[in-house]
Amino acid sequence: MSKQTTLDPFALWKSMYEQTESNLSDAIHETLKKEEYAEYLGHLQSGYLQYQQFIQSATDAYLKQINVPTREEISSVASLIINVEEKVENLDEKIEDEILNQNVSSEITKLKASITRLDKKMSQILKILTNEEEQATQDPPSSEQDQKPE
């Protein structure tokens, strides 16, 4: 019997992948280790940053021409709004404290007036009692017969 070999495309693809991957991996590692590659990346990054600054300045100039606020202006306004909100909250708390203090003050004033009225009434009662006591000491009680009419 003769052994028939069939072509397996997946096995062929796998062996090609493994050989290519190892060769490319070695080449990439060698390139990354070189000083020239690091310099190239530095120049590339510098160029990108210059491009980005140019785009930013062009966008800012365009937005100023059409009277649209920039991101920095919007964030500045947002921080100002937050500061105003904090001040309003502080004022609200102060107003509430003042209202409470006014209510307490009016209650204290009412209590003082009430105490003053009670003090006057007590003084009147004491005067009446002292007058009755004085009259009782000045007029000795007469006998019981004198008090009863016959």
Protein backbone atom coordinates (compact mmCIF):
# COMPACT_ATOMS: atom_id res chain seq x y z
CA MET A 1 0.00 0.00 0.00
CA SER A 2 1.23 3.36 -0.78
CA LYS A 3 0.89 6.22 1.63
CA GLN A 4 -0.88 9.17 0.14
CA THR A 5 0.06 12.63 1.47
CA THR A 6 -2.42 15.41 1.26
CA LEU A 7 -1.57 19.02 1.34
CA ASP A 8 -2.69 20.61 4.65
CA PRO A 9 -3.06 24.39 4.08
CA PHE A 10 -3.40 25.17 7.81
CA ALA A 11 -0.14 23.43 8.68
CA LEU A 12 1.60 25.33 5.87
CA TRP A 13 0.09 28.63 7.08
CA LYS A 14 1.13 27.90 10.70
CA SER A 15 4.75 27.18 9.79
CA MET A 16 4.92 30.33 7.63
CA TYR A 17 3.46 32.38 10.49
CA GLU A 18 5.95 31.04 13.03
CA GLN A 19 8.96 31.72 10.77
CA THR A 20 7.74 35.22 9.84
CA GLU A 21 6.88 36.10 13.42
CA SER A 22 10.29 35.14 14.76
CA ASN A 23 12.12 37.03 11.98
CA LEU A 24 9.97 40.15 12.40
CA SER A 25 10.28 40.02 16.18
CA ASP A 26 14.06 39.94 15.96
CA ALA A 27 14.11 42.81 13.45
CA ILE A 28 11.80 44.95 15.60
CA HIS A 29 13.87 44.34 18.74
CA GLU A 30 17.04 45.33 16.89
CA THR A 31 15.40 48.50 15.56
CA LEU A 32 14.07 49.51 18.97
CA LYS A 33 17.52 49.19 20.50
CA LYS A 34 19.10 51.68 18.07
CA GLU A 35 19.76 55.29 19.04
CA GLU A 36 18.68 56.53 15.61
CA TYR A 37 15.18 55.10 16.15
CA ALA A 38 14.81 56.99 19.46
CA GLU A 39 15.93 60.21 17.74
CA TYR A 40 13.46 59.60 14.93
CA LEU A 41 10.63 59.11 17.44
CA GLY A 42 11.66 62.34 19.22
CA HIS A 43 11.56 64.29 15.95
CA LEU A 44 8.24 62.71 15.03
CA GLN A 45 6.75 63.63 18.40
CA SER A 46 8.11 67.18 18.16
CA GLY A 47 6.60 67.58 14.72
CA TYR A 48 3.25 66.28 15.94
CA LEU A 49 3.25 68.72 18.87
CA GLN A 50 4.04 71.63 16.53
CA TYR A 51 1.22 70.53 14.25
CA GLN A 52 -1.14 70.29 17.21
CA GLN A 53 -0.18 73.80 18.42
CA PHE A 54 -0.73 75.17 14.92
CA ILE A 55 -4.18 73.59 14.69
CA GLN A 56 -5.06 74.91 18.17
CA SER A 57 -3.99 78.47 17.36
CA ALA A 58 -5.78 78.37 14.00
CA THR A 59 -8.96 77.08 15.68
CA ASP A 60 -8.76 79.78 18.37
CA ALA A 61 -8.30 82.49 15.73
CA TYR A 62 -11.25 81.17 13.73
CA LEU A 63 -13.48 80.98 16.80
CA LYS A 64 -12.57 84.55 17.76
CA GLN A 65 -13.48 85.72 14.26
CA ILE A 66 -16.94 84.20 14.43
CA ASN A 67 -17.44 85.25 18.09
CA VAL A 68 -17.60 81.76 19.56
CA PRO A 69 -16.01 81.27 22.98
CA THR A 70 -13.01 78.98 23.30
CA ARG A 71 -12.78 76.03 25.69
CA GLU A 72 -10.69 78.09 28.14
CA GLU A 73 -13.24 80.92 28.13
CA ILE A 74 -16.08 78.50 28.79
CA SER A 75 -14.19 76.84 31.66
CA SER A 76 -13.43 80.30 33.09
CA VAL A 77 -17.12 81.20 33.00
CA ALA A 78 -17.98 77.86 34.59
CA SER A 79 -15.59 78.49 37.48
CA LEU A 80 -17.05 81.98 37.93
CA ILE A 81 -20.56 80.51 38.04
CA ILE A 82 -19.47 78.01 40.68
CA ASN A 83 -18.02 80.86 42.77
CA VAL A 84 -21.27 82.82 42.43
CA GLU A 85 -23.29 79.76 43.47
CA GLU A 86 -21.16 79.38 46.60
CA LYS A 87 -21.63 83.05 47.47
CA VAL A 88 -25.40 82.76 46.96
CA GLU A 89 -25.50 79.73 49.26
CA ASN A 90 -23.54 81.63 51.91
CA LEU A 91 -25.92 84.59 51.62
CA ASP A 92 -28.92 82.25 51.83
CA GLU A 93 -27.55 80.77 55.04
CA LYS A 94 -26.95 84.25 56.48
CA ILE A 95 -30.48 85.33 55.56
CA GLU A 96 -31.94 82.23 57.21
CA ASP A 97 -29.87 82.92 60.33
CA GLU A 98 -31.08 86.53 60.37
CA ILE A 99 -34.70 85.46 60.00
CA LEU A 100 -34.30 83.02 62.87
CA ASN A 101 -32.60 85.71 64.95
CA GLN A 102 -35.41 88.18 64.16
CA ASN A 103 -38.03 85.63 65.20
CA VAL A 104 -36.14 84.97 68.42
CA SER A 105 -35.70 88.72 68.99
CA SER A 106 -39.41 89.37 68.48
CA GLU A 107 -40.27 86.54 70.86
CA ILE A 108 -37.86 87.97 73.45
CA THR A 109 -39.41 91.43 73.01
CA LYS A 110 -42.89 89.99 73.50
CA LEU A 111 -41.75 88.13 76.61
CA LYS A 112 -40.19 91.30 78.03
CA ALA A 113 -43.43 93.22 77.46
CA SER A 114 -45.42 90.43 79.08
CA ILE A 115 -43.09 90.34 82.08
CA THR A 116 -43.35 94.13 82.41
CA ARG A 117 -47.16 93.91 82.45
CA LEU A 118 -47.04 91.12 85.02
CA ASP A 119 -44.60 93.15 87.12
CA LYS A 120 -46.99 96.15 87.07
CA LYS A 121 -49.91 93.93 88.07
CA MET A 122 -47.86 92.40 90.89
CA SER A 123 -46.92 95.89 92.07
CA GLN A 124 -50.59 96.88 92.09
CA ILE A 125 -51.50 93.74 94.03
CA LEU A 126 -48.75 94.44 96.57
CA LYS A 127 -49.94 98.03 96.96
CA ILE A 128 -53.49 96.89 97.56
CA LEU A 129 -52.34 94.28 100.07
CA THR A 130 -50.10 96.74 101.91
CA ASN A 131 -52.96 99.31 101.98
CA GLU A 132 -55.34 96.73 103.43
CA GLU A 133 -52.71 95.71 105.96
CA GLU A 134 -52.19 99.33 107.00
CA GLN A 135 -55.91 99.89 107.32
CA ALA A 136 -56.22 96.74 109.37
CA THR A 137 -53.46 97.88 111.73
CA GLN A 138 -54.91 101.41 112.01
CA ASP A 139 -58.46 100.33 112.69
CA PRO A 140 -58.47 97.82 115.51
CA PRO A 141 -61.32 95.41 115.17
CA SER A 142 -64.21 96.26 117.39
CA SER A 143 -66.08 93.73 119.37
CA GLU A 144 -68.32 91.36 117.63
CA GLN A 145 -71.32 93.08 118.96
CA ASP A 146 -70.35 96.33 117.38
CA GLN A 147 -70.15 94.63 114.06
CA LYS A 148 -73.57 93.01 114.30
CA PRO A 149 -76.57 95.26 113.96
CA GLU A 150 -79.36 94.65 116.40
